[in-house]
C-alpha cells in the first residue's frame, strides 16, 4: 500500500502521480481510497494574481483497483470559484473512494 498524490496535468491531459514529492507516473485514470484533498492557498493566490497555471490542488490517498461506484458523485475544483474541492454546493476535504477518469473528471464516495 502506497500513499500518493494525484493532480490533473493540464499540459499532458492526464493525471500525474507523485510519491514522496516526485512525479512517478502519468495515467489516464486511477482510483484512490482513504483520500484527503489539499489546496495550497499561496499557490492559488499566485494563480489568481498572475493568471498562470500551477499545481495548487491535489488528492492524496492509497492506490486501489476498484470499479467506479454507482453512488459516486462528481467532485470539482476551480481556483476562481473558491479554495475548496466541491461536491455540488458542499466543500469536500476527504473521501472514502475517489476515481479520476480519462476525461479529467473526479468521482467520489464520501
PDB file of N, CA and C in Angstrom:
ATOM      1  N   UNK A   1       0.850  -1.185   0.000  1.00  0.00           N
ATOM      2  CA  UNK A   1       0.000   0.000   0.000  1.00  0.00           C
ATOM      3  C   UNK A   1       0.886   1.236   0.000  1.00  0.00           C
ATOM      4  N   UNK A   2       0.647   2.076  -0.984  1.00  0.00           N
ATOM      5  CA  UNK A   2       1.442   3.295  -1.059  1.00  0.00           C
ATOM      6  C   UNK A   2       0.522   4.496  -1.119  1.00  0.00           C
ATOM      7  N   UNK A   3       0.853   5.529  -0.368  1.00  0.00           N
ATOM      8  CA  UNK A   3       0.094   6.776  -0.399  1.00  0.00           C
ATOM      9  C   UNK A   3       0.725   7.678  -1.444  1.00  0.00           C
ATOM     10  N   UNK A   4      -0.102   8.170  -2.358  1.00  0.00           N
ATOM     11  CA  UNK A   4       0.375   9.017  -3.446  1.00  0.00           C
ATOM     12  C   UNK A   4      -0.469  10.288  -3.510  1.00  0.00           C
ATOM     13  N   UNK A   5       0.035  11.267  -4.224  1.00  0.00           N
ATOM     14  CA  UNK A   5      -0.706  12.479  -4.552  1.00  0.00           C
ATOM     15  C   UNK A   5      -1.083  12.392  -6.026  1.00  0.00           C
ATOM     16  N   UNK A   6      -2.295  12.817  -6.355  1.00  0.00           N
ATOM     17  CA  UNK A   6      -2.751  12.816  -7.741  1.00  0.00           C
ATOM     18  C   UNK A   6      -3.289  14.209  -8.063  1.00  0.00           C
ATOM     19  N   UNK A   7      -2.873  14.737  -9.221  1.00  0.00           N
ATOM     20  CA  UNK A   7      -3.390  16.019  -9.680  1.00  0.00           C
ATOM     21  C   UNK A   7      -3.505  15.991 -11.199  1.00  0.00           C
ATOM     22  N   UNK A   8      -4.325  16.875 -11.721  1.00  0.00           N
ATOM     23  CA  UNK A   8      -4.537  16.944 -13.171  1.00  0.00           C
ATOM     24  C   UNK A   8      -3.379  17.668 -13.821  1.00  0.00           C
ATOM     25  N   UNK A   9      -2.773  17.016 -14.805  1.00  0.00           N
ATOM     26  CA  UNK A   9      -1.690  17.611 -15.577  1.00  0.00           C
ATOM     27  C   UNK A   9      -2.324  18.184 -16.836  1.00  0.00           C
ATOM     28  N   UNK A  10      -2.494  19.498 -16.873  1.00  0.00           N
ATOM     29  CA  UNK A  10      -3.185  20.145 -17.988  1.00  0.00           C
ATOM     30  C   UNK A  10      -2.352  20.136 -19.258  1.00  0.00           C
ATOM     31  N   UNK A  11      -1.035  20.108 -19.136  1.00  0.00           N
ATOM     32  CA  UNK A  11      -0.179  20.087 -20.324  1.00  0.00           C
ATOM     33  C   UNK A  11      -0.243  18.754 -21.057  1.00  0.00           C
ATOM     34  N   UNK A  12      -0.328  17.664 -20.312  1.00  0.00           N
ATOM     35  CA  UNK A  12      -0.345  16.323 -20.907  1.00  0.00           C
ATOM     36  C   UNK A  12      -1.747  15.731 -21.021  1.00  0.00           C
ATOM     37  N   UNK A  13      -2.741  16.417 -20.472  1.00  0.00           N
ATOM     38  CA  UNK A  13      -4.129  15.929 -20.462  1.00  0.00           C
ATOM     39  C   UNK A  13      -4.218  14.544 -19.836  1.00  0.00           C
ATOM     40  N   UNK A  14      -3.613  14.410 -18.657  1.00  0.00           N
ATOM     41  CA  UNK A  14      -3.652  13.142 -17.920  1.00  0.00           C
ATOM     42  C   UNK A  14      -3.562  13.471 -16.436  1.00  0.00           C
ATOM     43  N   UNK A  15      -3.464  12.430 -15.624  1.00  0.00           N
ATOM     44  CA  UNK A  15      -3.282  12.590 -14.183  1.00  0.00           C
ATOM     45  C   UNK A  15      -1.822  12.324 -13.844  1.00  0.00           C
ATOM     46  N   UNK A  16      -1.223  13.205 -13.084  1.00  0.00           N
ATOM     47  CA  UNK A  16       0.148  12.992 -12.605  1.00  0.00           C
ATOM     48  C   UNK A  16       0.071  12.361 -11.229  1.00  0.00           C
ATOM     49  N   UNK A  17       0.954  11.396 -10.998  1.00  0.00           N
ATOM     50  CA  UNK A  17       1.010  10.690  -9.722  1.00  0.00           C
ATOM     51  C   UNK A  17       2.352  11.005  -9.073  1.00  0.00           C
ATOM     52  N   UNK A  18       2.291  11.562  -7.858  1.00  0.00           N
ATOM     53  CA  UNK A  18       3.500  11.895  -7.115  1.00  0.00           C
ATOM     54  C   UNK A  18       3.642  10.971  -5.927  1.00  0.00           C
ATOM     55  N   UNK A  19       4.869  10.580  -5.672  1.00  0.00           N
ATOM     56  CA  UNK A  19       5.193   9.794  -4.479  1.00  0.00           C
ATOM     57  C   UNK A  19       6.433  10.428  -3.876  1.00  0.00           C
ATOM     58  N   UNK A  20       6.345  10.782  -2.601  1.00  0.00           N
ATOM     59  CA  UNK A  20       7.455  11.461  -1.921  1.00  0.00           C
ATOM     60  C   UNK A  20       7.891  12.712  -2.691  1.00  0.00           C
ATOM     61  N   UNK A  21       6.904  13.492  -3.140  1.00  0.00           N
ATOM     62  CA  UNK A  21       7.129  14.770  -3.838  1.00  0.00           C
ATOM     63  C   UNK A  21       7.739  14.652  -5.231  1.00  0.00           C
ATOM     64  N   UNK A  22       7.854  13.437  -5.757  1.00  0.00           N
ATOM     65  CA  UNK A  22       8.402  13.239  -7.105  1.00  0.00           C
ATOM     66  C   UNK A  22       7.345  12.591  -7.986  1.00  0.00           C
ATOM     67  N   UNK A  23       7.201  13.100  -9.198  1.00  0.00           N
ATOM     68  CA  UNK A  23       6.252  12.505 -10.139  1.00  0.00           C
ATOM     69  C   UNK A  23       6.803  11.149 -10.568  1.00  0.00           C
ATOM     70  N   UNK A  24       6.000  10.103 -10.349  1.00  0.00           N
ATOM     71  CA  UNK A  24       6.440   8.747 -10.662  1.00  0.00           C
ATOM     72  C   UNK A  24       5.658   8.134 -11.821  1.00  0.00           C
ATOM     73  N   UNK A  25       4.551   8.791 -12.222  1.00  0.00           N
ATOM     74  CA  UNK A  25       3.751   8.211 -13.297  1.00  0.00           C
ATOM     75  C   UNK A  25       2.795   9.255 -13.853  1.00  0.00           C
ATOM     76  N   UNK A  26       2.343   9.025 -15.066  1.00  0.00           N
ATOM     77  CA  UNK A  26       1.264   9.778 -15.699  1.00  0.00           C
ATOM     78  C   UNK A  26       0.257   8.737 -16.172  1.00  0.00           C
ATOM     79  N   UNK A  27      -0.994   8.878 -15.758  1.00  0.00           N
ATOM     80  CA  UNK A  27      -2.003   7.868 -16.059  1.00  0.00           C
ATOM     81  C   UNK A  27      -3.264   8.516 -16.614  1.00  0.00           C
ATOM     82  N   UNK A  28      -4.034   7.719 -17.368  1.00  0.00           N
ATOM     83  CA  UNK A  28      -5.318   8.197 -17.881  1.00  0.00           C
ATOM     84  C   UNK A  28      -6.401   8.160 -16.814  1.00  0.00           C
ATOM     85  N   UNK A  29      -6.323   7.164 -15.923  1.00  0.00           N
ATOM     86  CA  UNK A  29      -7.305   7.038 -14.850  1.00  0.00           C
ATOM     87  C   UNK A  29      -6.652   6.331 -13.671  1.00  0.00           C
ATOM     88  N   UNK A  30      -7.215   6.576 -12.492  1.00  0.00           N
ATOM     89  CA  UNK A  30      -6.674   5.975 -11.275  1.00  0.00           C
ATOM     90  C   UNK A  30      -7.741   6.060 -10.188  1.00  0.00           C
ATOM     91  N   UNK A  31      -7.701   5.137  -9.241  1.00  0.00           N
ATOM     92  CA  UNK A  31      -8.621   5.149  -8.096  1.00  0.00           C
ATOM     93  C   UNK A  31      -7.801   5.185  -6.809  1.00  0.00           C
ATOM     94  N   UNK A  32      -8.309   5.920  -5.828  1.00  0.00           N
ATOM     95  CA  UNK A  32      -7.664   6.027  -4.512  1.00  0.00           C
ATOM     96  C   UNK A  32      -8.701   5.792  -3.433  1.00  0.00           C
ATOM     97  N   UNK A  33      -8.253   5.262  -2.289  1.00  0.00           N
ATOM     98  CA  UNK A  33      -9.134   5.223  -1.131  1.00  0.00           C
ATOM     99  C   UNK A  33      -8.434   5.890   0.036  1.00  0.00           C
ATOM    100  N   UNK A  34      -9.207   6.181   1.098  1.00  0.00           N
ATOM    101  CA  UNK A  34      -8.718   6.935   2.254  1.00  0.00           C
ATOM    102  C   UNK A  34      -8.104   8.259   1.768  1.00  0.00           C
ATOM    103  N   UNK A  35      -8.924   9.053   1.110  1.00  0.00           N
ATOM    104  CA  UNK A  35      -8.455  10.236   0.375  1.00  0.00           C
ATOM    105  C   UNK A  35      -8.606  11.512   1.193  1.00  0.00           C
ATOM    106  N   UNK A  36      -7.605  12.356   1.079  1.00  0.00           N
ATOM    107  CA  UNK A  36      -7.649  13.707   1.645  1.00  0.00           C
ATOM    108  C   UNK A  36      -7.345  14.686   0.519  1.00  0.00           C
ATOM    109  N   UNK A  37      -8.111  15.778   0.473  1.00  0.00           N
ATOM    110  CA  UNK A  37      -7.914  16.800  -0.550  1.00  0.00           C
ATOM    111  C   UNK A  37      -7.087  17.943   0.028  1.00  0.00           C
ATOM    112  N   UNK A  38      -6.170  18.467  -0.790  1.00  0.00           N
ATOM    113  CA  UNK A  38      -5.269  19.528  -0.357  1.00  0.00           C
ATOM    114  C   UNK A  38      -5.282  20.675  -1.357  1.00  0.00           C
ATOM    115  N   UNK A  39      -5.243  21.894  -0.844  1.00  0.00           N
ATOM    116  CA  UNK A  39      -5.136  23.085  -1.692  1.00  0.00           C
ATOM    117  C   UNK A  39      -4.091  24.000  -1.061  1.00  0.00           C
ATOM    118  N   UNK A  40      -3.103  24.394  -1.839  1.00  0.00           N
ATOM    119  CA  UNK A  40      -2.137  25.384  -1.387  1.00  0.00           C
ATOM    120  C   UNK A  40      -2.738  26.760  -1.645  1.00  0.00           C
ATOM    121  N   UNK A  41      -3.117  27.440  -0.579  1.00  0.00           N
ATOM    122  CA  UNK A  41      -3.740  28.757  -0.740  1.00  0.00           C
ATOM    123  C   UNK A  41      -2.748  29.766  -1.309  1.00  0.00           C
ATOM    124  N   UNK A  42      -1.477  29.653  -0.955  1.00  0.00           N
ATOM    125  CA  UNK A  42      -0.465  30.560  -1.512  1.00  0.00           C
ATOM    126  C   UNK A  42      -0.359  30.384  -3.023  1.00  0.00           C
ATOM    127  N   UNK A  43      -0.338  29.144  -3.476  1.00  0.00           N
ATOM    128  CA  UNK A  43      -0.266  28.879  -4.920  1.00  0.00           C
ATOM    129  C   UNK A  43      -1.545  29.334  -5.610  1.00  0.00           C
ATOM    130  N   UNK A  44      -2.691  29.137  -4.974  1.00  0.00           N
ATOM    131  CA  UNK A  44      -3.967  29.581  -5.554  1.00  0.00           C
ATOM    132  C   UNK A  44      -3.986  31.094  -5.714  1.00  0.00           C
ATOM    133  N   UNK A  45      -3.519  31.806  -4.702  1.00  0.00           N
ATOM    134  CA  UNK A  45      -3.476  33.272  -4.784  1.00  0.00           C
ATOM    135  C   UNK A  45      -2.528  33.746  -5.882  1.00  0.00           C
ATOM    136  N   UNK A  46      -1.419  33.029  -6.029  1.00  0.00           N
ATOM    137  CA  UNK A  46      -0.457  33.370  -7.095  1.00  0.00           C
ATOM    138  C   UNK A  46      -1.096  33.173  -8.473  1.00  0.00           C
ATOM    139  N   UNK A  47      -1.847  32.098  -8.638  1.00  0.00           N
ATOM    140  CA  UNK A  47      -2.546  31.849  -9.904  1.00  0.00           C
ATOM    141  C   UNK A  47      -3.584  32.936 -10.160  1.00  0.00           C
ATOM    142  N   UNK A  48      -4.324  33.306  -9.144  1.00  0.00           N
ATOM    143  CA  UNK A  48      -5.330  34.357  -9.308  1.00  0.00           C
ATOM    144  C   UNK A  48      -4.669  35.688  -9.662  1.00  0.00           C
ATOM    145  N   UNK A  49      -3.544  35.978  -9.057  1.00  0.00           N
ATOM    146  CA  UNK A  49      -2.848  37.245  -9.282  1.00  0.00           C
ATOM    147  C   UNK A  49      -2.178  37.297 -10.656  1.00  0.00           C
ATOM    148  N   UNK A  50      -1.496  36.214 -11.038  1.00  0.00           N
ATOM    149  CA  UNK A  50      -0.694  36.207 -12.266  1.00  0.00           C
ATOM    150  C   UNK A  50      -1.414  35.609 -13.471  1.00  0.00           C
ATOM    151  N   UNK A  51      -2.442  34.805 -13.213  1.00  0.00           N
ATOM    152  CA  UNK A  51      -3.146  34.155 -14.311  1.00  0.00           C
ATOM    153  C   UNK A  51      -2.364  33.016 -14.944  1.00  0.00           C
ATOM    154  N   UNK A  52      -1.339  32.515 -14.254  1.00  0.00           N
ATOM    155  CA  UNK A  52      -0.536  31.406 -14.769  1.00  0.00           C
ATOM    156  C   UNK A  52      -0.933  30.124 -14.060  1.00  0.00           C
ATOM    157  N   UNK A  53      -0.977  29.041 -14.818  1.00  0.00           N
ATOM    158  CA  UNK A  53      -1.341  27.748 -14.237  1.00  0.00           C
ATOM    159  C   UNK A  53      -0.217  27.221 -13.352  1.00  0.00           C
ATOM    160  N   UNK A  54      -0.610  26.505 -12.318  1.00  0.00           N
ATOM    161  CA  UNK A  54       0.357  25.886 -11.411  1.00  0.00           C
ATOM    162  C   UNK A  54      -0.351  24.775 -10.646  1.00  0.00           C
ATOM    163  N   UNK A  55       0.432  23.842 -10.131  1.00  0.00           N
ATOM    164  CA  UNK A  55      -0.145  22.795  -9.289  1.00  0.00           C
ATOM    165  C   UNK A  55      -0.459  23.428  -7.937  1.00  0.00           C
ATOM    166  N   UNK A  56      -1.732  23.476  -7.616  1.00  0.00           N
ATOM    167  CA  UNK A  56      -2.144  24.093  -6.361  1.00  0.00           C
ATOM    168  C   UNK A  56      -3.095  23.210  -5.568  1.00  0.00           C
ATOM    169  N   UNK A  57      -3.625  22.155  -6.219  1.00  0.00           N
ATOM    170  CA  UNK A  57      -4.607  21.303  -5.572  1.00  0.00           C
ATOM    171  C   UNK A  57      -4.368  19.855  -5.977  1.00  0.00           C
ATOM    172  N   UNK A  58      -4.514  18.951  -5.014  1.00  0.00           N
ATOM    173  CA  UNK A  58      -4.299  17.542  -5.283  1.00  0.00           C
ATOM    174  C   UNK A  58      -5.051  16.703  -4.261  1.00  0.00           C
ATOM    175  N   UNK A  59      -5.157  15.439  -4.558  1.00  0.00           N
ATOM    176  CA  UNK A  59      -5.751  14.470  -3.641  1.00  0.00           C
ATOM    177  C   UNK A  59      -4.662  13.491  -3.244  1.00  0.00           C
ATOM    178  N   UNK A  60      -4.617  13.120  -1.979  1.00  0.00           N
ATOM    179  CA  UNK A  60      -3.662  12.099  -1.546  1.00  0.00           C
ATOM    180  C   UNK A  60      -4.447  10.908  -1.013  1.00  0.00           C
ATOM    181  N   UNK A  61      -3.970   9.723  -1.373  1.00  0.00           N
ATOM    182  CA  UNK A  61      -4.651   8.517  -0.937  1.00  0.00           C
ATOM    183  C   UNK A  61      -3.861   7.287  -1.318  1.00  0.00           C
ATOM    184  N   UNK A  62      -4.463   6.151  -1.102  1.00  0.00           N
ATOM    185  CA  UNK A  62      -3.828   4.863  -1.365  1.00  0.00           C
ATOM    186  C   UNK A  62      -4.397   4.297  -2.662  1.00  0.00           C
ATOM    187  N   UNK A  63      -3.517   3.941  -3.580  1.00  0.00           N
ATOM    188  CA  UNK A  63      -3.932   3.414  -4.883  1.00  0.00           C
ATOM    189  C   UNK A  63      -4.673   2.094  -4.684  1.00  0.00           C
ATOM    190  N   UNK A  64      -5.783   1.961  -5.395  1.00  0.00           N
ATOM    191  CA  UNK A  64      -6.598   0.750  -5.306  1.00  0.00           C
ATOM    192  C   UNK A  64      -7.147   0.431  -6.692  1.00  0.00           C
ATOM    193  N   UNK A  65      -7.382  -0.827  -6.943  1.00  0.00           N
ATOM    194  CA  UNK A  65      -8.020  -1.257  -8.189  1.00  0.00           C
ATOM    195  C   UNK A  65      -9.475  -1.554  -7.858  1.00  0.00           C
ATOM    196  N   UNK A  66     -10.348  -0.591  -8.156  1.00  0.00           N
ATOM    197  CA  UNK A  66     -11.766  -0.747  -7.833  1.00  0.00           C
ATOM    198  C   UNK A  66     -12.601  -0.109  -8.934  1.00  0.00           C
ATOM    199  N   UNK A  67     -13.772  -0.680  -9.213  1.00  0.00           N
ATOM    200  CA  UNK A  67     -14.641  -0.099 -10.240  1.00  0.00           C
ATOM    201  C   UNK A  67     -15.301   1.186  -9.734  1.00  0.00           C
ATOM    202  N   UNK A  68     -15.746   2.009 -10.659  1.00  0.00           N
ATOM    203  CA  UNK A  68     -16.488   3.214 -10.314  1.00  0.00           C
ATOM    204  C   UNK A  68     -17.797   2.806  -9.647  1.00  0.00           C
ATOM    205  N   UNK A  69     -18.080   3.376  -8.492  1.00  0.00           N
ATOM    206  CA  UNK A  69     -19.282   3.030  -7.737  1.00  0.00           C
ATOM    207  C   UNK A  69     -20.485   3.804  -8.262  1.00  0.00           C
ATOM    208  N   UNK A  70     -21.641   3.161  -8.273  1.00  0.00           N
ATOM    209  CA  UNK A  70     -22.861   3.833  -8.733  1.00  0.00           C
ATOM    210  C   UNK A  70     -23.209   5.034  -7.857  1.00  0.00           C
ATOM    211  N   UNK A  71     -22.827   4.986  -6.601  1.00  0.00           N
ATOM    212  CA  UNK A  71     -23.155   6.071  -5.673  1.00  0.00           C
ATOM    213  C   UNK A  71     -22.170   7.236  -5.747  1.00  0.00           C
ATOM    214  N   UNK A  72     -21.197   7.161  -6.663  1.00  0.00           N
ATOM    215  CA  UNK A  72     -20.205   8.228  -6.800  1.00  0.00           C
ATOM    216  C   UNK A  72     -20.842   9.522  -7.284  1.00  0.00           C
ATOM    217  N   UNK A  73     -20.332  10.621  -6.762  1.00  0.00           N
ATOM    218  CA  UNK A  73     -20.775  11.937  -7.188  1.00  0.00           C
ATOM    219  C   UNK A  73     -19.576  12.739  -7.678  1.00  0.00           C
ATOM    220  N   UNK A  74     -19.818  13.681  -8.543  1.00  0.00           N
ATOM    221  CA  UNK A  74     -18.752  14.487  -9.146  1.00  0.00           C
ATOM    222  C   UNK A  74     -18.142  15.423  -8.119  1.00  0.00           C
ATOM    223  N   UNK A  75     -16.833  15.488  -8.117  1.00  0.00           N
ATOM    224  CA  UNK A  75     -16.085  16.407  -7.265  1.00  0.00           C
ATOM    225  C   UNK A  75     -15.292  17.321  -8.190  1.00  0.00           C
ATOM    226  N   UNK A  76     -15.349  18.625  -7.915  1.00  0.00           N
ATOM    227  CA  UNK A  76     -14.678  19.599  -8.783  1.00  0.00           C
ATOM    228  C   UNK A  76     -13.791  20.524  -7.956  1.00  0.00           C
ATOM    229  N   UNK A  77     -12.809  21.102  -8.637  1.00  0.00           N
ATOM    230  CA  UNK A  77     -12.005  22.169  -8.044  1.00  0.00           C
ATOM    231  C   UNK A  77     -11.809  23.248  -9.099  1.00  0.00           C
ATOM    232  N   UNK A  78     -12.145  24.476  -8.738  1.00  0.00           N
ATOM    233  CA  UNK A  78     -11.930  25.627  -9.613  1.00  0.00           C
ATOM    234  C   UNK A  78     -11.341  26.738  -8.755  1.00  0.00           C
ATOM    235  N   UNK A  79     -10.085  27.098  -8.985  1.00  0.00           N
ATOM    236  CA  UNK A  79      -9.443  28.100  -8.131  1.00  0.00           C
ATOM    237  C   UNK A  79     -10.121  29.461  -8.186  1.00  0.00           C
ATOM    238  N   UNK A  80     -10.868  29.739  -9.244  1.00  0.00           N
ATOM    239  CA  UNK A  80     -11.539  31.020  -9.379  1.00  0.00           C
ATOM    240  C   UNK A  80     -12.872  31.053  -8.634  1.00  0.00           C
ATOM    241  N   UNK A  81     -13.371  29.870  -8.247  1.00  0.00           N
ATOM    242  CA  UNK A  81     -14.637  29.803  -7.520  1.00  0.00           C
ATOM    243  C   UNK A  81     -14.447  29.659  -6.018  1.00  0.00           C
ATOM    244  N   UNK A  82     -13.266  29.287  -5.569  1.00  0.00           N
ATOM    245  CA  UNK A  82     -13.030  29.168  -4.137  1.00  0.00           C
ATOM    246  C   UNK A  82     -11.871  28.254  -3.811  1.00  0.00           C
ATOM    247  N   UNK A  83     -11.534  28.150  -2.528  1.00  0.00           N
ATOM    248  CA  UNK A  83     -10.350  27.417  -2.100  1.00  0.00           C
ATOM    249  C   UNK A  83     -10.570  25.931  -1.795  1.00  0.00           C
ATOM    250  N   UNK A  84     -11.758  25.402  -2.089  1.00  0.00           N
ATOM    251  CA  UNK A  84     -12.063  24.022  -1.713  1.00  0.00           C
ATOM    252  C   UNK A  84     -12.462  23.172  -2.913  1.00  0.00           C
ATOM    253  N   UNK A  85     -12.226  21.870  -2.789  1.00  0.00           N
ATOM    254  CA  UNK A  85     -12.848  20.901  -3.687  1.00  0.00           C
ATOM    255  C   UNK A  85     -14.329  20.896  -3.320  1.00  0.00           C
ATOM    256  N   UNK A  86     -15.193  20.762  -4.318  1.00  0.00           N
ATOM    257  CA  UNK A  86     -16.628  20.853  -4.065  1.00  0.00           C
ATOM    258  C   UNK A  86     -17.369  19.642  -4.638  1.00  0.00           C
ATOM    259  N   UNK A  87     -18.362  19.184  -3.880  1.00  0.00           N
ATOM    260  CA  UNK A  87     -19.306  18.170  -4.348  1.00  0.00           C
ATOM    261  C   UNK A  87     -20.665  18.863  -4.335  1.00  0.00           C
ATOM    262  N   UNK A  88     -21.079  19.313  -5.509  1.00  0.00           N
ATOM    263  CA  UNK A  88     -22.287  20.137  -5.568  1.00  0.00           C
ATOM    264  C   UNK A  88     -21.994  21.477  -4.906  1.00  0.00           C
ATOM    265  N   UNK A  89     -22.756  21.808  -3.881  1.00  0.00           N
ATOM    266  CA  UNK A  89     -22.568  23.072  -3.160  1.00  0.00           C
ATOM    267  C   UNK A  89     -21.734  22.910  -1.901  1.00  0.00           C
ATOM    268  N   UNK A  90     -21.240  21.700  -1.625  1.00  0.00           N
ATOM    269  CA  UNK A  90     -20.581  21.427  -0.351  1.00  0.00           C
ATOM    270  C   UNK A  90     -19.082  21.228  -0.517  1.00  0.00           C
ATOM    271  N   UNK A  91     -18.284  21.840   0.355  1.00  0.00           N
ATOM    272  CA  UNK A  91     -16.836  21.604   0.322  1.00  0.00           C
ATOM    273  C   UNK A  91     -16.517  20.170   0.748  1.00  0.00           C
ATOM    274  N   UNK A  92     -15.498  19.607   0.131  1.00  0.00           N
ATOM    275  CA  UNK A  92     -15.083  18.239   0.427  1.00  0.00           C
ATOM    276  C   UNK A  92     -13.610  18.264   0.833  1.00  0.00           C
ATOM    277  N   UNK A  93     -13.307  17.651   1.969  1.00  0.00           N
ATOM    278  CA  UNK A  93     -11.927  17.618   2.453  1.00  0.00           C
ATOM    279  C   UNK A  93     -11.358  16.202   2.508  1.00  0.00           C
ATOM    280  N   UNK A  94     -12.259  15.212   2.502  1.00  0.00           N
ATOM    281  CA  UNK A  94     -11.827  13.812   2.495  1.00  0.00           C
ATOM    282  C   UNK A  94     -12.925  12.943   1.901  1.00  0.00           C
ATOM    283  N   UNK A  95     -12.526  11.750   1.491  1.00  0.00           N
ATOM    284  CA  UNK A  95     -13.479  10.807   0.890  1.00  0.00           C
ATOM    285  C   UNK A  95     -12.979   9.389   1.101  1.00  0.00           C
ATOM    286  N   UNK A  96     -13.900   8.439   1.070  1.00  0.00           N
ATOM    287  CA  UNK A  96     -13.533   7.033   1.195  1.00  0.00           C
ATOM    288  C   UNK A  96     -12.896   6.511  -0.086  1.00  0.00           C
ATOM    289  N   UNK A  97     -13.499   6.857  -1.231  1.00  0.00           N
ATOM    290  CA  UNK A  97     -13.052   6.330  -2.512  1.00  0.00           C
ATOM    291  C   UNK A  97     -13.199   7.404  -3.586  1.00  0.00           C
ATOM    292  N   UNK A  98     -12.174   7.538  -4.415  1.00  0.00           N
ATOM    293  CA  UNK A  98     -12.167   8.521  -5.486  1.00  0.00           C
ATOM    294  C   UNK A  98     -11.736   7.847  -6.785  1.00  0.00           C
ATOM    295  N   UNK A  99     -12.401   8.198  -7.870  1.00  0.00           N
ATOM    296  CA  UNK A  99     -11.993   7.750  -9.201  1.00  0.00           C
ATOM    297  C   UNK A  99     -11.683   8.973 -10.047  1.00  0.00           C
ATOM    298  N   UNK A 100     -10.527   8.984 -10.649  1.00  0.00           N
ATOM    299  CA  UNK A 100     -10.143  10.009 -11.600  1.00  0.00           C
ATOM    300  C   UNK A 100     -10.257   9.362 -12.970  1.00  0.00           C
ATOM    301  N   UNK A 101     -11.153   9.880 -13.818  1.00  0.00           N
ATOM    302  CA  UNK A 101     -11.378   9.207 -15.096  1.00  0.00           C
ATOM    303  C   UNK A 101     -10.548   9.809 -16.228  1.00  0.00           C
ATOM    304  N   UNK A 102     -10.578   9.164 -17.376  1.00  0.00           N
ATOM    305  CA  UNK A 102      -9.742   9.561 -18.512  1.00  0.00           C
ATOM    306  C   UNK A 102     -10.212  10.856 -19.155  1.00  0.00           C
ATOM    307  N   UNK A 103     -11.378  11.355 -18.739  1.00  0.00           N
ATOM    308  CA  UNK A 103     -11.907  12.604 -19.280  1.00  0.00           C
ATOM    309  C   UNK A 103     -11.556  13.814 -18.399  1.00  0.00           C
ATOM    310  N   UNK A 104     -10.756  13.581 -17.361  1.00  0.00           N
ATOM    311  CA  UNK A 104     -10.344  14.668 -16.485  1.00  0.00           C
ATOM    312  C   UNK A 104     -11.319  14.958 -15.365  1.00  0.00           C
ATOM    313  N   UNK A 105     -12.228  14.021 -15.101  1.00  0.00           N
ATOM    314  CA  UNK A 105     -13.227  14.220 -14.054  1.00  0.00           C
ATOM    315  C   UNK A 105     -12.876  13.383 -12.827  1.00  0.00           C
ATOM    316  N   UNK A 106     -13.376  13.840 -11.697  1.00  0.00           N
ATOM    317  CA  UNK A 106     -13.154  13.151 -10.419  1.00  0.00           C
ATOM    318  C   UNK A 106     -14.524  12.775  -9.851  1.00  0.00           C
ATOM    319  N   UNK A 107     -14.646  11.520  -9.434  1.00  0.00           N
ATOM    320  CA  UNK A 107     -15.882  10.992  -8.870  1.00  0.00           C
ATOM    321  C   UNK A 107     -15.574  10.425  -7.493  1.00  0.00           C
ATOM    322  N   UNK A 108     -16.425  10.728  -6.511  1.00  0.00           N
ATOM    323  CA  UNK A 108     -16.120  10.295  -5.166  1.00  0.00           C
ATOM    324  C   UNK A 108     -17.293   9.722  -4.401  1.00  0.00           C
ATOM    325  N   UNK A 109     -16.940   8.886  -3.430  1.00  0.00           N
ATOM    326  CA  UNK A 109     -17.878   8.344  -2.449  1.00  0.00           C
ATOM    327  C   UNK A 109     -17.358   8.800  -1.107  1.00  0.00           C
ATOM    328  N   UNK A 110     -18.182   9.594  -0.425  1.00  0.00           N
ATOM    329  CA  UNK A 110     -17.758  10.108   0.869  1.00  0.00           C
ATOM    330  C   UNK A 110     -17.939   9.043   1.916  1.00  0.00           C
TER     331      UNK A 110
END
